[in-house]
Full PDB file with SEQRES, HELIX, SHEET, SSBOND, CRYST1, ORIGX, SCALE, CONECT and MASTER records, all heavy atoms in Angstrom:
SEQRES   1 A   30  GLU TYR ASP ALA LEU PRO GLU ILE GLY HIS GLY CYS GLY          
SEQRES   2 A   30  HIS ASN LEU ILE GLY ALA ALA GLY VAL GLY ALA ALA VAL          
SEQRES   3 A   30  VAL LEU SER LYS                                              
HELIX    1 AA1 HIS A   14  SER A   29  1                                  16    
CRYST1    1.000    1.000    1.000  90.00  90.00  90.00 P 1           1          
ORIGX1      1.000000  0.000000  0.000000        0.00000                         
ORIGX2      0.000000  1.000000  0.000000        0.00000                         
ORIGX3      0.000000  0.000000  1.000000        0.00000                         
SCALE1      1.000000  0.000000  0.000000        0.00000                         
SCALE2      0.000000  1.000000  0.000000        0.00000                         
SCALE3      0.000000  0.000000  1.000000        0.00000                         
ATOM      1  N   GLU A   1     -45.802  -1.683 -36.725  1.00  0.00           N  
ATOM      2  CA  GLU A   1     -44.957  -1.640 -37.923  1.00  0.00           C  
ATOM      3  C   GLU A   1     -43.568  -1.197 -37.493  1.00  0.00           C  
ATOM      4  O   GLU A   1     -43.418  -0.437 -36.523  1.00  0.00           O  
ATOM      5  CB  GLU A   1     -45.515  -0.664 -38.961  1.00  0.00           C  
ATOM      6  CG  GLU A   1     -46.886  -1.039 -39.476  1.00  0.00           C  
ATOM      7  CD  GLU A   1     -47.480   0.003 -40.420  1.00  0.00           C  
ATOM      8  OE1 GLU A   1     -46.837   1.057 -40.629  1.00  0.00           O  
ATOM      9  OE2 GLU A   1     -48.590  -0.232 -40.924  1.00  0.00           O  
ATOM     10  N   TYR A   2     -42.529  -1.617 -38.229  1.00  0.00           N  
ATOM     11  CA  TYR A   2     -41.168  -1.291 -37.795  1.00  0.00           C  
ATOM     12  C   TYR A   2     -40.141  -1.359 -38.904  1.00  0.00           C  
ATOM     13  O   TYR A   2     -38.941  -1.365 -38.654  1.00  0.00           O  
ATOM     14  CB  TYR A   2     -40.745  -2.231 -36.641  1.00  0.00           C  
ATOM     15  CG  TYR A   2     -41.342  -3.619 -36.734  1.00  0.00           C  
ATOM     16  CD1 TYR A   2     -40.744  -4.634 -37.479  1.00  0.00           C  
ATOM     17  CD2 TYR A   2     -42.544  -3.906 -36.087  1.00  0.00           C  
ATOM     18  CE1 TYR A   2     -41.307  -5.893 -37.568  1.00  0.00           C  
ATOM     19  CE2 TYR A   2     -43.124  -5.165 -36.177  1.00  0.00           C  
ATOM     20  CZ  TYR A   2     -42.499  -6.158 -36.921  1.00  0.00           C  
ATOM     21  OH  TYR A   2     -43.075  -7.400 -37.017  1.00  0.00           O  
ATOM     22  N   ASP A   3     -40.585  -1.390 -40.163  1.00  0.00           N  
ATOM     23  CA  ASP A   3     -39.629  -1.370 -41.276  1.00  0.00           C  
ATOM     24  C   ASP A   3     -39.285   0.066 -41.641  1.00  0.00           C  
ATOM     25  O   ASP A   3     -40.037   1.007 -41.383  1.00  0.00           O  
ATOM     26  CB  ASP A   3     -40.187  -2.115 -42.494  1.00  0.00           C  
ATOM     27  CG  ASP A   3     -41.479  -1.502 -43.020  1.00  0.00           C  
ATOM     28  OD1 ASP A   3     -42.350  -1.140 -42.189  1.00  0.00           O  
ATOM     29  OD2 ASP A   3     -41.627  -1.383 -44.248  1.00  0.00           O  
ATOM     30  N   ALA A   4     -38.109   0.227 -42.246  1.00  0.00           N  
ATOM     31  CA  ALA A   4     -37.598   1.543 -42.600  1.00  0.00           C  
ATOM     32  C   ALA A   4     -37.460   1.674 -44.116  1.00  0.00           C  
ATOM     33  O   ALA A   4     -37.665   0.717 -44.870  1.00  0.00           O  
ATOM     34  CB  ALA A   4     -36.249   1.781 -41.922  1.00  0.00           C  
ATOM     35  N   LEU A   5     -37.112   2.879 -44.542  1.00  0.00           N  
ATOM     36  CA  LEU A   5     -36.924   3.185 -45.961  1.00  0.00           C  
ATOM     37  C   LEU A   5     -35.452   3.080 -46.338  1.00  0.00           C  
ATOM     38  O   LEU A   5     -34.579   3.424 -45.532  1.00  0.00           O  
ATOM     39  CB  LEU A   5     -37.431   4.596 -46.261  1.00  0.00           C  
ATOM     40  CG  LEU A   5     -38.928   4.825 -46.047  1.00  0.00           C  
ATOM     41  CD1 LEU A   5     -39.223   6.318 -45.943  1.00  0.00           C  
ATOM     42  CD2 LEU A   5     -39.721   4.201 -47.182  1.00  0.00           C  
ATOM     43  N   PRO A   6     -35.141   2.635 -47.544  1.00  0.00           N  
ATOM     44  CA  PRO A   6     -33.739   2.575 -47.980  1.00  0.00           C  
ATOM     45  C   PRO A   6     -33.087   3.955 -47.914  1.00  0.00           C  
ATOM     46  O   PRO A   6     -33.678   4.952 -48.336  1.00  0.00           O  
ATOM     47  CB  PRO A   6     -33.838   2.087 -49.435  1.00  0.00           C  
ATOM     48  CG  PRO A   6     -35.167   1.428 -49.534  1.00  0.00           C  
ATOM     49  CD  PRO A   6     -36.075   2.152 -48.577  1.00  0.00           C  
ATOM     50  N   GLU A   7     -31.903   4.011 -47.344  1.00  0.00           N  
ATOM     51  CA  GLU A   7     -31.070   5.220 -47.249  1.00  0.00           C  
ATOM     52  C   GLU A   7     -31.634   6.278 -46.303  1.00  0.00           C  
ATOM     53  O   GLU A   7     -30.898   6.913 -45.557  1.00  0.00           O  
ATOM     54  CB  GLU A   7     -30.854   5.836 -48.642  1.00  0.00           C  
ATOM     55  CG  GLU A   7     -30.133   4.909 -49.609  1.00  0.00           C  
ATOM     56  CD  GLU A   7     -29.878   5.557 -50.956  1.00  0.00           C  
ATOM     57  OE1 GLU A   7     -30.134   6.766 -51.101  1.00  0.00           O  
ATOM     58  OE2 GLU A   7     -29.423   4.842 -51.872  1.00  0.00           O  
ATOM     59  N   ILE A   8     -32.942   6.465 -46.286  1.00  0.00           N  
ATOM     60  CA  ILE A   8     -33.549   7.515 -45.459  1.00  0.00           C  
ATOM     61  C   ILE A   8     -33.660   7.095 -44.001  1.00  0.00           C  
ATOM     62  O   ILE A   8     -33.491   7.896 -43.091  1.00  0.00           O  
ATOM     63  CB  ILE A   8     -34.933   7.894 -46.017  1.00  0.00           C  
ATOM     64  CG1 ILE A   8     -34.773   8.562 -47.380  1.00  0.00           C  
ATOM     65  CG2 ILE A   8     -35.683   8.809 -45.054  1.00  0.00           C  
ATOM     66  CD1 ILE A   8     -36.080   8.838 -48.079  1.00  0.00           C  
ATOM     67  N   GLY A   9     -33.947   5.832 -43.761  1.00  0.00           N  
ATOM     68  CA  GLY A   9     -34.189   5.366 -42.396  1.00  0.00           C  
ATOM     69  C   GLY A   9     -35.677   5.408 -42.081  1.00  0.00           C  
ATOM     70  O   GLY A   9     -36.516   5.112 -42.940  1.00  0.00           O  
ATOM     71  N   HIS A  10     -36.027   5.811 -40.854  1.00  0.00           N  
ATOM     72  CA  HIS A  10     -37.430   5.801 -40.439  1.00  0.00           C  
ATOM     73  C   HIS A  10     -38.133   7.101 -40.834  1.00  0.00           C  
ATOM     74  O   HIS A  10     -38.693   7.816 -40.009  1.00  0.00           O  
ATOM     75  CB  HIS A  10     -37.549   5.514 -38.947  1.00  0.00           C  
ATOM     76  CG  HIS A  10     -37.457   4.054 -38.642  1.00  0.00           C  
ATOM     77  ND1 HIS A  10     -38.505   3.187 -38.829  1.00  0.00           N  
ATOM     78  CD2 HIS A  10     -36.417   3.294 -38.235  1.00  0.00           C  
ATOM     79  CE1 HIS A  10     -38.140   1.955 -38.522  1.00  0.00           C  
ATOM     80  NE2 HIS A  10     -36.868   1.991 -38.163  1.00  0.00           N  
ATOM     81  N   GLY A  11     -38.111   7.343 -42.152  1.00  0.00           N  
ATOM     82  CA  GLY A  11     -38.746   8.535 -42.695  1.00  0.00           C  
ATOM     83  C   GLY A  11     -40.249   8.456 -42.780  1.00  0.00           C  
ATOM     84  O   GLY A  11     -40.897   9.383 -43.270  1.00  0.00           O  
ATOM     85  N   CYS A  12     -40.829   7.348 -42.312  1.00  0.00           N  
ATOM     86  CA  CYS A  12     -42.289   7.247 -42.226  1.00  0.00           C  
ATOM     87  C   CYS A  12     -42.738   7.007 -40.781  1.00  0.00           C  
ATOM     88  O   CYS A  12     -43.921   6.796 -40.517  1.00  0.00           O  
ATOM     89  CB  CYS A  12     -42.795   6.136 -43.140  1.00  0.00           C  
ATOM     90  SG  CYS A  12     -44.488   6.376 -43.725  1.00  0.00           S  
ATOM     91  N   GLY A  13     -41.779   6.990 -39.869  1.00  0.00           N  
ATOM     92  CA  GLY A  13     -42.115   6.921 -38.455  1.00  0.00           C  
ATOM     93  C   GLY A  13     -42.572   5.577 -37.949  1.00  0.00           C  
ATOM     94  O   GLY A  13     -43.257   5.480 -36.923  1.00  0.00           O  
ATOM     95  N   HIS A  14     -42.152   4.502 -38.633  1.00  0.00           N  
ATOM     96  CA  HIS A  14     -42.602   3.186 -38.189  1.00  0.00           C  
ATOM     97  C   HIS A  14     -41.993   2.776 -36.854  1.00  0.00           C  
ATOM     98  O   HIS A  14     -42.540   1.900 -36.183  1.00  0.00           O  
ATOM     99  CB  HIS A  14     -42.307   2.138 -39.254  1.00  0.00           C  
ATOM    100  CG  HIS A  14     -43.134   2.300 -40.493  1.00  0.00           C  
ATOM    101  ND1 HIS A  14     -43.150   1.368 -41.505  1.00  0.00           N  
ATOM    102  CD2 HIS A  14     -43.987   3.283 -40.877  1.00  0.00           C  
ATOM    103  CE1 HIS A  14     -43.970   1.775 -42.464  1.00  0.00           C  
ATOM    104  NE2 HIS A  14     -44.485   2.939 -42.110  1.00  0.00           N  
ATOM    105  N   ASN A  15     -40.888   3.382 -36.471  1.00  0.00           N  
ATOM    106  CA  ASN A  15     -40.348   3.120 -35.138  1.00  0.00           C  
ATOM    107  C   ASN A  15     -41.334   3.574 -34.060  1.00  0.00           C  
ATOM    108  O   ASN A  15     -41.490   2.925 -33.022  1.00  0.00           O  
ATOM    109  CB  ASN A  15     -38.995   3.817 -34.951  1.00  0.00           C  
ATOM    110  CG  ASN A  15     -39.083   5.328 -35.069  1.00  0.00           C  
ATOM    111  OD1 ASN A  15     -39.753   5.857 -35.965  1.00  0.00           O  
ATOM    112  ND2 ASN A  15     -38.408   6.035 -34.179  1.00  0.00           N  
ATOM    113  N   LEU A  16     -42.039   4.678 -34.336  1.00  0.00           N  
ATOM    114  CA  LEU A  16     -43.059   5.156 -33.395  1.00  0.00           C  
ATOM    115  C   LEU A  16     -44.299   4.267 -33.434  1.00  0.00           C  
ATOM    116  O   LEU A  16     -44.907   3.992 -32.396  1.00  0.00           O  
ATOM    117  CB  LEU A  16     -43.451   6.602 -33.737  1.00  0.00           C  
ATOM    118  CG  LEU A  16     -42.351   7.658 -33.659  1.00  0.00           C  
ATOM    119  CD1 LEU A  16     -42.928   9.028 -33.988  1.00  0.00           C  
ATOM    120  CD2 LEU A  16     -41.695   7.680 -32.285  1.00  0.00           C  
ATOM    121  N   ILE A  17     -44.666   3.814 -34.631  1.00  0.00           N  
ATOM    122  CA  ILE A  17     -45.852   2.956 -34.766  1.00  0.00           C  
ATOM    123  C   ILE A  17     -45.659   1.653 -33.996  1.00  0.00           C  
ATOM    124  O   ILE A  17     -46.553   1.204 -33.271  1.00  0.00           O  
ATOM    125  CB  ILE A  17     -46.137   2.671 -36.253  1.00  0.00           C  
ATOM    126  CG1 ILE A  17     -46.448   3.981 -36.995  1.00  0.00           C  
ATOM    127  CG2 ILE A  17     -47.297   1.680 -36.400  1.00  0.00           C  
ATOM    128  CD1 ILE A  17     -46.564   3.821 -38.502  1.00  0.00           C  
ATOM    129  N   GLY A  18     -44.497   1.044 -34.172  1.00  0.00           N  
ATOM    130  CA  GLY A  18     -44.216  -0.205 -33.467  1.00  0.00           C  
ATOM    131  C   GLY A  18     -44.222  -0.038 -31.968  1.00  0.00           C  
ATOM    132  O   GLY A  18     -44.830  -0.838 -31.232  1.00  0.00           O  
ATOM    133  N   ALA A  19     -43.549   1.022 -31.488  1.00  0.00           N  
ATOM    134  CA  ALA A  19     -43.489   1.257 -30.049  1.00  0.00           C  
ATOM    135  C   ALA A  19     -44.860   1.596 -29.475  1.00  0.00           C  
ATOM    136  O   ALA A  19     -45.196   1.193 -28.354  1.00  0.00           O  
ATOM    137  CB  ALA A  19     -42.495   2.381 -29.757  1.00  0.00           C  
ATOM    138  N   ALA A  20     -45.673   2.326 -30.238  1.00  0.00           N  
ATOM    139  CA  ALA A  20     -46.997   2.716 -29.750  1.00  0.00           C  
ATOM    140  C   ALA A  20     -47.919   1.514 -29.612  1.00  0.00           C  
ATOM    141  O   ALA A  20     -48.639   1.374 -28.607  1.00  0.00           O  
ATOM    142  CB  ALA A  20     -47.614   3.754 -30.685  1.00  0.00           C  
ATOM    143  N   GLY A  21     -47.923   0.626 -30.617  1.00  0.00           N  
ATOM    144  CA  GLY A  21     -48.776  -0.554 -30.544  1.00  0.00           C  
ATOM    145  C   GLY A  21     -48.394  -1.461 -29.392  1.00  0.00           C  
ATOM    146  O   GLY A  21     -49.251  -1.924 -28.623  1.00  0.00           O  
ATOM    147  N   VAL A  22     -47.097  -1.704 -29.256  1.00  0.00           N  
ATOM    148  CA  VAL A  22     -46.601  -2.541 -28.167  1.00  0.00           C  
ATOM    149  C   VAL A  22     -46.848  -1.850 -26.824  1.00  0.00           C  
ATOM    150  O   VAL A  22     -47.295  -2.481 -25.849  1.00  0.00           O  
ATOM    151  CB  VAL A  22     -45.107  -2.838 -28.367  1.00  0.00           C  
ATOM    152  CG1 VAL A  22     -44.493  -3.437 -27.105  1.00  0.00           C  
ATOM    153  CG2 VAL A  22     -44.913  -3.784 -29.551  1.00  0.00           C  
ATOM    154  N   GLY A  23     -46.570  -0.556 -26.777  1.00  0.00           N  
ATOM    155  CA  GLY A  23     -46.734   0.181 -25.530  1.00  0.00           C  
ATOM    156  C   GLY A  23     -48.168   0.202 -25.038  1.00  0.00           C  
ATOM    157  O   GLY A  23     -48.436  -0.025 -23.847  1.00  0.00           O  
ATOM    158  N   ALA A  24     -49.117   0.450 -25.941  1.00  0.00           N  
ATOM    159  CA  ALA A  24     -50.531   0.487 -25.550  1.00  0.00           C  
ATOM    160  C   ALA A  24     -50.981  -0.864 -25.018  1.00  0.00           C  
ATOM    161  O   ALA A  24     -51.727  -0.947 -24.028  1.00  0.00           O  
ATOM    162  CB  ALA A  24     -51.385   0.910 -26.740  1.00  0.00           C  
ATOM    163  N   ALA A  25     -50.531  -1.934 -25.659  1.00  0.00           N  
ATOM    164  CA  ALA A  25     -50.906  -3.278 -25.213  1.00  0.00           C  
ATOM    165  C   ALA A  25     -50.365  -3.570 -23.826  1.00  0.00           C  
ATOM    166  O   ALA A  25     -51.075  -4.115 -22.959  1.00  0.00           O  
ATOM    167  CB  ALA A  25     -50.399  -4.317 -26.211  1.00  0.00           C  
ATOM    168  N   VAL A  26     -49.110  -3.213 -23.582  1.00  0.00           N  
ATOM    169  CA  VAL A  26     -48.505  -3.462 -22.272  1.00  0.00           C  
ATOM    170  C   VAL A  26     -49.199  -2.637 -21.197  1.00  0.00           C  
ATOM    171  O   VAL A  26     -49.442  -3.116 -20.077  1.00  0.00           O  
ATOM    172  CB  VAL A  26     -46.991  -3.176 -22.310  1.00  0.00           C  
ATOM    173  CG1 VAL A  26     -46.398  -3.195 -20.897  1.00  0.00           C  
ATOM    174  CG2 VAL A  26     -46.286  -4.201 -23.187  1.00  0.00           C  
ATOM    175  N   VAL A  27     -49.545  -1.399 -21.527  1.00  0.00           N  
ATOM    176  CA  VAL A  27     -50.260  -0.553 -20.558  1.00  0.00           C  
ATOM    177  C   VAL A  27     -51.567  -1.227 -20.139  1.00  0.00           C  
ATOM    178  O   VAL A  27     -51.877  -1.335 -18.948  1.00  0.00           O  
ATOM    179  CB  VAL A  27     -50.535   0.844 -21.162  1.00  0.00           C  
ATOM    180  CG1 VAL A  27     -51.541   1.605 -20.298  1.00  0.00           C  
ATOM    181  CG2 VAL A  27     -49.239   1.641 -21.278  1.00  0.00           C  
ATOM    182  N   LEU A  28     -52.339  -1.709 -21.103  1.00  0.00           N  
ATOM    183  CA  LEU A  28     -53.609  -2.361 -20.763  1.00  0.00           C  
ATOM    184  C   LEU A  28     -53.397  -3.635 -19.953  1.00  0.00           C  
ATOM    185  O   LEU A  28     -54.213  -3.973 -19.081  1.00  0.00           O  
ATOM    186  CB  LEU A  28     -54.391  -2.691 -22.038  1.00  0.00           C  
ATOM    187  CG  LEU A  28     -55.140  -1.553 -22.723  1.00  0.00           C  
ATOM    188  CD1 LEU A  28     -56.040  -2.103 -23.818  1.00  0.00           C  
ATOM    189  CD2 LEU A  28     -55.978  -0.760 -21.722  1.00  0.00           C  
ATOM    190  N   SER A  29     -52.311  -4.338 -20.218  1.00  0.00           N  
ATOM    191  CA  SER A  29     -52.063  -5.592 -19.491  1.00  0.00           C  
ATOM    192  C   SER A  29     -51.839  -5.364 -18.002  1.00  0.00           C  
ATOM    193  O   SER A  29     -51.935  -6.305 -17.205  1.00  0.00           O  
ATOM    194  CB  SER A  29     -50.854  -6.310 -20.097  1.00  0.00           C  
ATOM    195  OG  SER A  29     -49.623  -5.683 -19.729  1.00  0.00           O  
ATOM    196  N   LYS A  30     -51.533  -4.132 -17.621  1.00  0.00           N  
ATOM    197  CA  LYS A  30     -51.284  -3.822 -16.210  1.00  0.00           C  
ATOM    198  C   LYS A  30     -52.567  -3.510 -15.432  1.00  0.00           C  
ATOM    199  O   LYS A  30     -52.519  -3.356 -14.207  1.00  0.00           O  
ATOM    200  CB  LYS A  30     -50.331  -2.626 -16.090  1.00  0.00           C  
ATOM    201  CG  LYS A  30     -49.006  -2.806 -16.819  1.00  0.00           C  
ATOM    202  CD  LYS A  30     -48.237  -4.019 -16.339  1.00  0.00           C  
ATOM    203  CE  LYS A  30     -46.934  -4.209 -17.095  1.00  0.00           C  
ATOM    204  NZ  LYS A  30     -46.240  -5.464 -16.691  1.00  0.00           N  
TER     205      LYS A  30                                                      
MASTER        0    0    0    1    0    0    0    6  204    1    0    3          
END                                                                             
């Protein structure tokens, strides 16, 4: 996930969710 909240920004931490999902997948691919 990677959408943000109006005015607040990433007040639900979706920047971390997106990076974690992508990161875990790349780690396994190695």
